PDB file of N, CA and C in Angstrom:
ATOM      1  N   MET A   1      -6.421 -12.166   0.656  1.00  0.00           N
ATOM      2  CA  MET A   1      -5.310 -12.518   1.511  1.00  0.00           C
ATOM      3  C   MET A   1      -5.734 -12.989   2.783  1.00  0.00           C
ATOM      4  N   VAL A   2      -5.195 -13.981   3.324  1.00  0.00           N
ATOM      5  CA  VAL A   2      -5.442 -14.518   4.618  1.00  0.00           C
ATOM      6  C   VAL A   2      -4.567 -13.781   5.646  1.00  0.00           C
ATOM      7  N   GLU A   3      -5.177 -13.360   6.778  1.00  0.00           N
ATOM      8  CA  GLU A   3      -4.414 -12.660   7.817  1.00  0.00           C
ATOM      9  C   GLU A   3      -4.038 -13.754   8.858  1.00  0.00           C
ATOM     10  N   SER A   4      -2.856 -13.692   9.434  1.00  0.00           N
ATOM     11  CA  SER A   4      -2.384 -14.609  10.463  1.00  0.00           C
ATOM     12  C   SER A   4      -1.805 -13.788  11.666  1.00  0.00           C
ATOM     13  N   SER A   5      -2.094 -14.354  12.800  1.00  0.00           N
ATOM     14  CA  SER A   5      -1.490 -13.622  14.001  1.00  0.00           C
ATOM     15  C   SER A   5      -0.052 -14.315  14.291  1.00  0.00           C
ATOM     16  N   LYS A   6       0.247 -15.320  13.486  1.00  0.00           N
ATOM     17  CA  LYS A   6       1.547 -15.997  13.707  1.00  0.00           C
ATOM     18  C   LYS A   6       2.681 -14.990  13.146  1.00  0.00           C
ATOM     19  N   HIS A   7       3.697 -14.867  13.984  1.00  0.00           N
ATOM     20  CA  HIS A   7       4.832 -14.007  13.516  1.00  0.00           C
ATOM     21  C   HIS A   7       5.954 -14.875  12.948  1.00  0.00           C
ATOM     22  N   ILE A   8       6.469 -14.431  11.828  1.00  0.00           N
ATOM     23  CA  ILE A   8       7.477 -15.065  11.099  1.00  0.00           C
ATOM     24  C   ILE A   8       8.663 -14.272  11.029  1.00  0.00           C
ATOM     25  N   GLU A   9       9.827 -14.653  11.609  1.00  0.00           N
ATOM     26  CA  GLU A   9      10.968 -13.853  11.518  1.00  0.00           C
ATOM     27  C   GLU A   9      11.599 -13.866  10.189  1.00  0.00           C
ATOM     28  N   VAL A  10      12.047 -12.704   9.717  1.00  0.00           N
ATOM     29  CA  VAL A  10      12.811 -12.495   8.573  1.00  0.00           C
ATOM     30  C   VAL A  10      14.144 -11.767   8.841  1.00  0.00           C
ATOM     31  N   HIS A  11      15.242 -12.324   8.361  1.00  0.00           N
ATOM     32  CA  HIS A  11      16.472 -11.768   8.702  1.00  0.00           C
ATOM     33  C   HIS A  11      17.058 -11.022   7.454  1.00  0.00           C
ATOM     34  N   LEU A  12      17.633  -9.814   7.848  1.00  0.00           N
ATOM     35  CA  LEU A  12      18.254  -9.099   6.723  1.00  0.00           C
ATOM     36  C   LEU A  12      19.686  -9.604   6.568  1.00  0.00           C
ATOM     37  N   GLY A  13      20.102  -9.897   5.269  1.00  0.00           N
ATOM     38  CA  GLY A  13      21.328 -10.495   4.992  1.00  0.00           C
ATOM     39  C   GLY A  13      22.386  -9.417   4.584  1.00  0.00           C
ATOM     40  N   ARG A  14      23.425  -9.913   3.917  1.00  0.00           N
ATOM     41  CA  ARG A  14      24.423  -9.083   3.422  1.00  0.00           C
ATOM     42  C   ARG A  14      23.772  -8.268   2.378  1.00  0.00           C
ATOM     43  N   GLN A  15      24.338  -7.004   2.192  1.00  0.00           N
ATOM     44  CA  GLN A  15      23.954  -6.028   1.338  1.00  0.00           C
ATOM     45  C   GLN A  15      22.498  -5.759   1.341  1.00  0.00           C
ATOM     46  N   GLY A  16      21.834  -5.932   2.597  1.00  0.00           N
ATOM     47  CA  GLY A  16      20.481  -5.553   2.780  1.00  0.00           C
ATOM     48  C   GLY A  16      19.481  -6.581   2.089  1.00  0.00           C
ATOM     49  N   ARG A  17      19.966  -7.736   1.761  1.00  0.00           N
ATOM     50  CA  ARG A  17      19.105  -8.671   1.043  1.00  0.00           C
ATOM     51  C   ARG A  17      18.088  -9.277   2.104  1.00  0.00           C
ATOM     52  N   LEU A  18      16.918  -9.461   1.592  1.00  0.00           N
ATOM     53  CA  LEU A  18      15.856 -10.054   2.404  1.00  0.00           C
ATOM     54  C   LEU A  18      15.293 -11.239   1.766  1.00  0.00           C
ATOM     55  N   VAL A  19      15.160 -12.337   2.478  1.00  0.00           N
ATOM     56  CA  VAL A  19      14.490 -13.531   1.997  1.00  0.00           C
ATOM     57  C   VAL A  19      13.221 -13.725   2.634  1.00  0.00           C
ATOM     58  N   ILE A  20      12.133 -13.819   1.868  1.00  0.00           N
ATOM     59  CA  ILE A  20      10.917 -13.964   2.427  1.00  0.00           C
ATOM     60  C   ILE A  20      10.560 -15.534   2.559  1.00  0.00           C
ATOM     61  N   PRO A  21      10.410 -15.982   3.805  1.00  0.00           N
ATOM     62  CA  PRO A  21      10.244 -17.511   3.920  1.00  0.00           C
ATOM     63  C   PRO A  21       9.048 -18.053   3.098  1.00  0.00           C
ATOM     64  N   ALA A  22       9.211 -19.271   2.715  1.00  0.00           N
ATOM     65  CA  ALA A  22       8.184 -19.934   1.871  1.00  0.00           C
ATOM     66  C   ALA A  22       6.747 -19.847   2.543  1.00  0.00           C
ATOM     67  N   ALA A  23       6.668 -20.002   3.845  1.00  0.00           N
ATOM     68  CA  ALA A  23       5.338 -20.003   4.467  1.00  0.00           C
ATOM     69  C   ALA A  23       4.763 -18.705   4.356  1.00  0.00           C
ATOM     70  N   LEU A  24       5.507 -17.617   4.500  1.00  0.00           N
ATOM     71  CA  LEU A  24       4.990 -16.237   4.404  1.00  0.00           C
ATOM     72  C   LEU A  24       4.629 -15.910   2.923  1.00  0.00           C
ATOM     73  N   ARG A  25       5.461 -16.332   1.978  1.00  0.00           N
ATOM     74  CA  ARG A  25       5.077 -16.212   0.625  1.00  0.00           C
ATOM     75  C   ARG A  25       3.882 -16.809   0.200  1.00  0.00           C
ATOM     76  N   ARG A  26       3.602 -18.054   0.737  1.00  0.00           N
ATOM     77  CA  ARG A  26       2.307 -18.757   0.452  1.00  0.00           C
ATOM     78  C   ARG A  26       1.171 -17.940   1.034  1.00  0.00           C
ATOM     79  N   LEU A  27       1.282 -17.569   2.322  1.00  0.00           N
ATOM     80  CA  LEU A  27       0.321 -16.772   3.050  1.00  0.00           C
ATOM     81  C   LEU A  27      -0.142 -15.596   2.264  1.00  0.00           C
ATOM     82  N   LEU A  28       0.852 -14.888   1.704  1.00  0.00           N
ATOM     83  CA  LEU A  28       0.624 -13.635   1.014  1.00  0.00           C
ATOM     84  C   LEU A  28       0.352 -13.798  -0.462  1.00  0.00           C
ATOM     85  N   GLY A  29       0.507 -15.057  -1.010  1.00  0.00           N
ATOM     86  CA  GLY A  29       0.191 -15.283  -2.401  1.00  0.00           C
ATOM     87  C   GLY A  29       1.302 -14.701  -3.348  1.00  0.00           C
ATOM     88  N   PHE A  30       2.470 -14.613  -2.756  1.00  0.00           N
ATOM     89  CA  PHE A  30       3.705 -14.102  -3.511  1.00  0.00           C
ATOM     90  C   PHE A  30       4.296 -15.298  -4.336  1.00  0.00           C
ATOM     91  N   GLU A  31       4.469 -15.211  -5.573  1.00  0.00           N
ATOM     92  CA  GLU A  31       5.017 -16.231  -6.396  1.00  0.00           C
ATOM     93  C   GLU A  31       6.346 -15.748  -7.124  1.00  0.00           C
ATOM     94  N   GLU A  32       7.131 -16.769  -7.434  1.00  0.00           N
ATOM     95  CA  GLU A  32       8.408 -16.393  -8.224  1.00  0.00           C
ATOM     96  C   GLU A  32       7.979 -15.596  -9.419  1.00  0.00           C
ATOM     97  N   GLY A  33       8.730 -14.567  -9.645  1.00  0.00           N
ATOM     98  CA  GLY A  33       8.489 -13.685 -10.823  1.00  0.00           C
ATOM     99  C   GLY A  33       7.531 -12.504 -10.485  1.00  0.00           C
ATOM    100  N   ASP A  34       6.866 -12.483  -9.377  1.00  0.00           N
ATOM    101  CA  ASP A  34       5.994 -11.376  -9.074  1.00  0.00           C
ATOM    102  C   ASP A  34       6.918 -10.150  -8.902  1.00  0.00           C
ATOM    103  N   THR A  35       6.337  -8.971  -9.324  1.00  0.00           N
ATOM    104  CA  THR A  35       6.983  -7.656  -9.029  1.00  0.00           C
ATOM    105  C   THR A  35       6.347  -7.133  -7.768  1.00  0.00           C
ATOM    106  N   LEU A  36       7.178  -6.766  -6.764  1.00  0.00           N
ATOM    107  CA  LEU A  36       6.670  -6.241  -5.560  1.00  0.00           C
ATOM    108  C   LEU A  36       7.074  -4.778  -5.510  1.00  0.00           C
ATOM    109  N   VAL A  37       6.174  -3.979  -4.941  1.00  0.00           N
ATOM    110  CA  VAL A  37       6.545  -2.614  -4.744  1.00  0.00           C
ATOM    111  C   VAL A  37       6.729  -2.387  -3.231  1.00  0.00           C
ATOM    112  N   ALA A  38       7.865  -1.733  -2.930  1.00  0.00           N
ATOM    113  CA  ALA A  38       8.265  -1.497  -1.477  1.00  0.00           C
ATOM    114  C   ALA A  38       8.083  -0.051  -1.179  1.00  0.00           C
ATOM    115  N   ARG A  39       7.586   0.193  -0.029  1.00  0.00           N
ATOM    116  CA  ARG A  39       7.409   1.577   0.436  1.00  0.00           C
ATOM    117  C   ARG A  39       7.488   1.610   1.979  1.00  0.00           C
ATOM    118  N   PRO A  40       8.061   2.701   2.499  1.00  0.00           N
ATOM    119  CA  PRO A  40       8.108   2.853   3.940  1.00  0.00           C
ATOM    120  C   PRO A  40       6.690   3.454   4.446  1.00  0.00           C
ATOM    121  N   GLU A  41       6.292   3.011   5.516  1.00  0.00           N
ATOM    122  CA  GLU A  41       5.100   3.537   6.126  1.00  0.00           C
ATOM    123  C   GLU A  41       5.132   3.439   7.681  1.00  0.00           C
ATOM    124  N   GLU A  42       5.305   4.661   8.244  1.00  0.00           N
ATOM    125  CA  GLU A  42       5.364   4.735   9.761  1.00  0.00           C
ATOM    126  C   GLU A  42       6.366   3.802  10.329  1.00  0.00           C
ATOM    127  N   GLY A  43       7.558   3.842   9.808  1.00  0.00           N
ATOM    128  CA  GLY A  43       8.600   2.984  10.403  1.00  0.00           C
ATOM    129  C   GLY A  43       8.488   1.536  10.022  1.00  0.00           C
ATOM    130  N   ARG A  44       7.702   1.169   9.073  1.00  0.00           N
ATOM    131  CA  ARG A  44       7.507  -0.262   8.569  1.00  0.00           C
ATOM    132  C   ARG A  44       7.865  -0.302   7.058  1.00  0.00           C
ATOM    133  N   LEU A  45       8.142  -1.550   6.670  1.00  0.00           N
ATOM    134  CA  LEU A  45       8.359  -1.747   5.256  1.00  0.00           C
ATOM    135  C   LEU A  45       7.167  -2.520   4.662  1.00  0.00           C
ATOM    136  N   ILE A  46       6.469  -1.948   3.764  1.00  0.00           N
ATOM    137  CA  ILE A  46       5.290  -2.521   3.073  1.00  0.00           C
ATOM    138  C   ILE A  46       5.746  -3.097   1.742  1.00  0.00           C
ATOM    139  N   LEU A  47       5.506  -4.317   1.507  1.00  0.00           N
ATOM    140  CA  LEU A  47       5.676  -4.996   0.163  1.00  0.00           C
ATOM    141  C   LEU A  47       4.324  -5.413  -0.362  1.00  0.00           C
ATOM    142  N   GLU A  48       4.015  -4.986  -1.559  1.00  0.00           N
ATOM    143  CA  GLU A  48       2.768  -5.271  -2.236  1.00  0.00           C
ATOM    144  C   GLU A  48       2.999  -5.662  -3.606  1.00  0.00           C
ATOM    145  N   LYS A  49       2.286  -6.624  -4.173  1.00  0.00           N
ATOM    146  CA  LYS A  49       2.173  -6.902  -5.551  1.00  0.00           C
ATOM    147  C   LYS A  49       1.676  -5.667  -6.315  1.00  0.00           C
ATOM    148  N   GLN A  50       2.187  -5.436  -7.439  1.00  0.00           N
ATOM    149  CA  GLN A  50       1.645  -4.338  -8.269  1.00  0.00           C
ATOM    150  C   GLN A  50       0.202  -4.615  -8.631  1.00  0.00           C
ATOM    151  N   GLU A  51      -0.117  -5.801  -8.861  1.00  0.00           N
ATOM    152  CA  GLU A  51      -1.547  -6.014  -9.179  1.00  0.00           C
ATOM    153  C   GLU A  51      -2.505  -5.617  -8.102  1.00  0.00           C
ATOM    154  N   ALA A  52      -2.053  -5.891  -6.811  1.00  0.00           N
ATOM    155  CA  ALA A  52      -2.834  -5.577  -5.683  1.00  0.00           C
ATOM    156  C   ALA A  52      -3.057  -4.025  -5.571  1.00  0.00           C
ATOM    157  N   ILE A  53      -2.081  -3.350  -5.838  1.00  0.00           N
ATOM    158  CA  ILE A  53      -2.153  -1.793  -5.827  1.00  0.00           C
ATOM    159  C   ILE A  53      -3.033  -1.361  -6.900  1.00  0.00           C
ATOM    160  N   LYS A  54      -2.945  -1.945  -8.136  1.00  0.00           N
ATOM    161  CA  LYS A  54      -3.881  -1.501  -9.220  1.00  0.00           C
ATOM    162  C   LYS A  54      -5.279  -1.740  -8.850  1.00  0.00           C
ATOM    163  N   GLN A  55      -5.537  -2.947  -8.240  1.00  0.00           N
ATOM    164  CA  GLN A  55      -6.873  -3.270  -7.913  1.00  0.00           C
ATOM    165  C   GLN A  55      -7.406  -2.313  -6.780  1.00  0.00           C
ATOM    166  N   ARG A  56      -6.638  -1.993  -5.825  1.00  0.00           N
ATOM    167  CA  ARG A  56      -7.056  -1.052  -4.779  1.00  0.00           C
ATOM    168  C   ARG A  56      -7.305   0.300  -5.412  1.00  0.00           C
ATOM    169  N   LEU A  57      -6.551   0.825  -6.312  1.00  0.00           N
ATOM    170  CA  LEU A  57      -6.832   2.099  -6.990  1.00  0.00           C
ATOM    171  C   LEU A  57      -8.048   2.094  -7.826  1.00  0.00           C
ATOM    172  N   LYS A  58      -8.239   1.077  -8.537  1.00  0.00           N
ATOM    173  CA  LYS A  58      -9.425   0.930  -9.346  1.00  0.00           C
ATOM    174  C   LYS A  58     -10.710   0.898  -8.536  1.00  0.00           C
ATOM    175  N   ALA A  59     -10.629   0.212  -7.390  1.00  0.00           N
ATOM    176  CA  ALA A  59     -11.756   0.208  -6.429  1.00  0.00           C
ATOM    177  C   ALA A  59     -12.103   1.646  -5.858  1.00  0.00           C
ATOM    178  N   ARG A  60     -10.872   2.304  -5.529  1.00  0.00           N
ATOM    179  CA  ARG A  60     -11.018   3.658  -4.891  1.00  0.00           C
ATOM    180  C   ARG A  60     -11.739   4.592  -5.861  1.00  0.00           C
ATOM    181  N   PHE A  61     -11.383   4.569  -7.199  1.00  0.00           N
ATOM    182  CA  PHE A  61     -11.916   5.466  -8.136  1.00  0.00           C
ATOM    183  C   PHE A  61     -13.126   4.949  -8.991  1.00  0.00           C
ATOM    184  N   SER A  62     -13.561   3.769  -8.623  1.00  0.00           N
ATOM    185  CA  SER A  62     -14.639   3.166  -9.423  1.00  0.00           C
ATOM    186  C   SER A  62     -15.956   3.960  -9.432  1.00  0.00           C
ATOM    187  N   GLN A  63     -16.121   4.725  -8.313  1.00  0.00           N
ATOM    188  CA  GLN A  63     -17.433   5.500  -8.168  1.00  0.00           C
ATOM    189  C   GLN A  63     -17.463   6.826  -8.909  1.00  0.00           C
ATOM    190  N   LEU A  64     -16.293   7.213  -9.501  1.00  0.00           N
ATOM    191  CA  LEU A  64     -16.272   8.447 -10.212  1.00  0.00           C
ATOM    192  C   LEU A  64     -16.962   8.352 -11.556  1.00  0.00           C
ATOM    193  N   PRO A  65     -17.766   9.310 -11.927  1.00  0.00           N
ATOM    194  CA  PRO A  65     -18.491   9.355 -13.169  1.00  0.00           C
ATOM    195  C   PRO A  65     -17.525   9.133 -14.401  1.00  0.00           C
ATOM    196  N   LYS A  66     -17.786   8.449 -15.280  1.00  0.00           N
ATOM    197  CA  LYS A  66     -16.885   8.253 -16.519  1.00  0.00           C
ATOM    198  C   LYS A  66     -16.500   9.414 -17.178  1.00  0.00           C
ATOM    199  N   GLN A  67     -17.327  10.470 -17.204  1.00  0.00           N
ATOM    200  CA  GLN A  67     -17.041  11.767 -17.955  1.00  0.00           C
ATOM    201  C   GLN A  67     -16.141  12.643 -17.078  1.00  0.00           C
ATOM    202  N   ARG A  68     -15.852  12.391 -15.792  1.00  0.00           N
ATOM    203  CA  ARG A  68     -15.016  13.205 -15.055  1.00  0.00           C
ATOM    204  C   ARG A  68     -13.562  12.776 -15.184  1.00  0.00           C
ATOM    205  N   SER A  69     -12.737  13.864 -15.468  1.00  0.00           N
ATOM    206  CA  SER A  69     -11.283  13.511 -15.628  1.00  0.00           C
ATOM    207  C   SER A  69     -10.514  14.147 -14.607  1.00  0.00           C
ATOM    208  N   LEU A  70      -9.973  13.275 -13.666  1.00  0.00           N
ATOM    209  CA  LEU A  70      -9.136  13.889 -12.546  1.00  0.00           C
ATOM    210  C   LEU A  70      -7.871  14.548 -13.143  1.00  0.00           C
ATOM    211  N   ALA A  71      -7.357  14.022 -14.234  1.00  0.00           N
ATOM    212  CA  ALA A  71      -6.165  14.641 -14.950  1.00  0.00           C
ATOM    213  C   ALA A  71      -6.510  16.074 -15.300  1.00  0.00           C
ATOM    214  N   ASP A  72      -7.642  16.256 -15.928  1.00  0.00           N
ATOM    215  CA  ASP A  72      -8.008  17.570 -16.409  1.00  0.00           C
ATOM    216  C   ASP A  72      -8.243  18.518 -15.233  1.00  0.00           C
ATOM    217  N   GLU A  73      -8.772  17.985 -14.170  1.00  0.00           N
ATOM    218  CA  GLU A  73      -8.979  18.831 -12.951  1.00  0.00           C
ATOM    219  C   GLU A  73      -7.698  19.260 -12.358  1.00  0.00           C
ATOM    220  N   LEU A  74      -6.706  18.327 -12.314  1.00  0.00           N
ATOM    221  CA  LEU A  74      -5.379  18.617 -11.755  1.00  0.00           C
ATOM    222  C   LEU A  74      -4.756  19.726 -12.564  1.00  0.00           C
ATOM    223  N   ILE A  75      -4.740  19.517 -13.969  1.00  0.00           N
ATOM    224  CA  ILE A  75      -4.139  20.469 -14.895  1.00  0.00           C
ATOM    225  C   ILE A  75      -4.714  21.910 -14.745  1.00  0.00           C
ATOM    226  N   ALA A  76      -6.095  21.960 -14.459  1.00  0.00           N
ATOM    227  CA  ALA A  76      -6.698  23.156 -14.328  1.00  0.00           C
ATOM    228  C   ALA A  76      -6.347  23.851 -13.005  1.00  0.00           C
ATOM    229  N   GLU A  77      -6.197  22.984 -11.921  1.00  0.00           N
ATOM    230  CA  GLU A  77      -5.805  23.594 -10.650  1.00  0.00           C
ATOM    231  C   GLU A  77      -4.376  24.038 -10.668  1.00  0.00           C
ATOM    232  N   ARG A  78      -3.493  23.386 -11.422  1.00  0.00           N
ATOM    233  CA  ARG A  78      -2.112  23.909 -11.557  1.00  0.00           C
ATOM    234  C   ARG A  78      -2.008  25.152 -12.361  1.00  0.00           C
ATOM    235  N   ARG A  79      -2.871  25.275 -13.366  1.00  0.00           N
ATOM    236  CA  ARG A  79      -2.834  26.542 -14.135  1.00  0.00           C
ATOM    237  C   ARG A  79      -3.371  27.642 -13.288  1.00  0.00           C
ATOM    238  N   GLU A  80      -4.327  27.448 -12.565  1.00  0.00           N
ATOM    239  CA  GLU A  80      -4.794  28.484 -11.625  1.00  0.00           C
ATOM    240  C   GLU A  80      -3.818  28.894 -10.619  1.00  0.00           C
ATOM    241  N   GLU A  81      -3.122  27.947 -10.118  1.00  0.00           N
ATOM    242  CA  GLU A  81      -1.962  28.160  -9.115  1.00  0.00           C
ATOM    243  C   GLU A  81      -0.933  29.003  -9.780  1.00  0.00           C
ATOM    244  N   GLY A  82      -0.584  28.641 -11.019  1.00  0.00           N
ATOM    245  CA  GLY A  82       0.414  29.304 -11.785  1.00  0.00           C
ATOM    246  C   GLY A  82       0.007  30.778 -12.007  1.00  0.00           C
ATOM    247  N   LYS A  83      -1.198  31.063 -12.332  1.00  0.00           N
ATOM    248  CA  LYS A  83      -1.674  32.379 -12.579  1.00  0.00           C
ATOM    249  C   LYS A  83      -1.618  33.218 -11.235  1.00  0.00           C
ATOM    250  N   ARG A  84      -1.938  32.541 -10.134  1.00  0.00           N
ATOM    251  CA  ARG A  84      -1.861  33.290  -8.791  1.00  0.00           C
ATOM    252  C   ARG A  84      -0.408  33.696  -8.487  1.00  0.00           C
ATOM    253  N   GLU A  85       0.521  32.713  -8.732  1.00  0.00           N
ATOM    254  CA  GLU A  85       1.884  32.949  -8.462  1.00  0.00           C
ATOM    255  C   GLU A  85       2.497  34.006  -9.258  1.00  0.00           C
ATOM    256  N   VAL A  86       2.110  34.154 -10.519  1.00  0.00           N
ATOM    257  CA  VAL A  86       2.575  35.267 -11.439  1.00  0.00           C
ATOM    258  C   VAL A  86       1.987  36.536 -11.081  1.00  0.00           C
ATOM    259  N   GLY A  87       0.739  36.514 -10.568  1.00  0.00           N
ATOM    260  CA  GLY A  87       0.079  37.840 -10.204  1.00  0.00           C
ATOM    261  C   GLY A  87       0.467  38.226  -8.831  1.00  0.00           C
ATOM    262  N   ALA A  88       1.089  37.464  -8.026  1.00  0.00           N
ATOM    263  CA  ALA A  88       1.370  37.781  -6.621  1.00  0.00           C
ATOM    264  C   ALA A  88       2.576  38.737  -6.512  1.00  0.00           C
TER     265      ALA A  88
END
């Protein structure tokens, strides 16, 4: 994605509708039919393509050994936590 210091105004319309101007869509690589994920972050609205999120997560966890299962580790942690709560 190309970063730009140019500010593009976006106006909030009726019923909270937001139109992303064509120049900004082109800059961000957003195309008709793309599914965007919206999330608040420190008072800002972040819009991302689902594919960009998937790529970022794959990159983040690509260094994990193939035999390591984060799901199994989480389940084990939750079970231990449950045992502690029952024993408390």
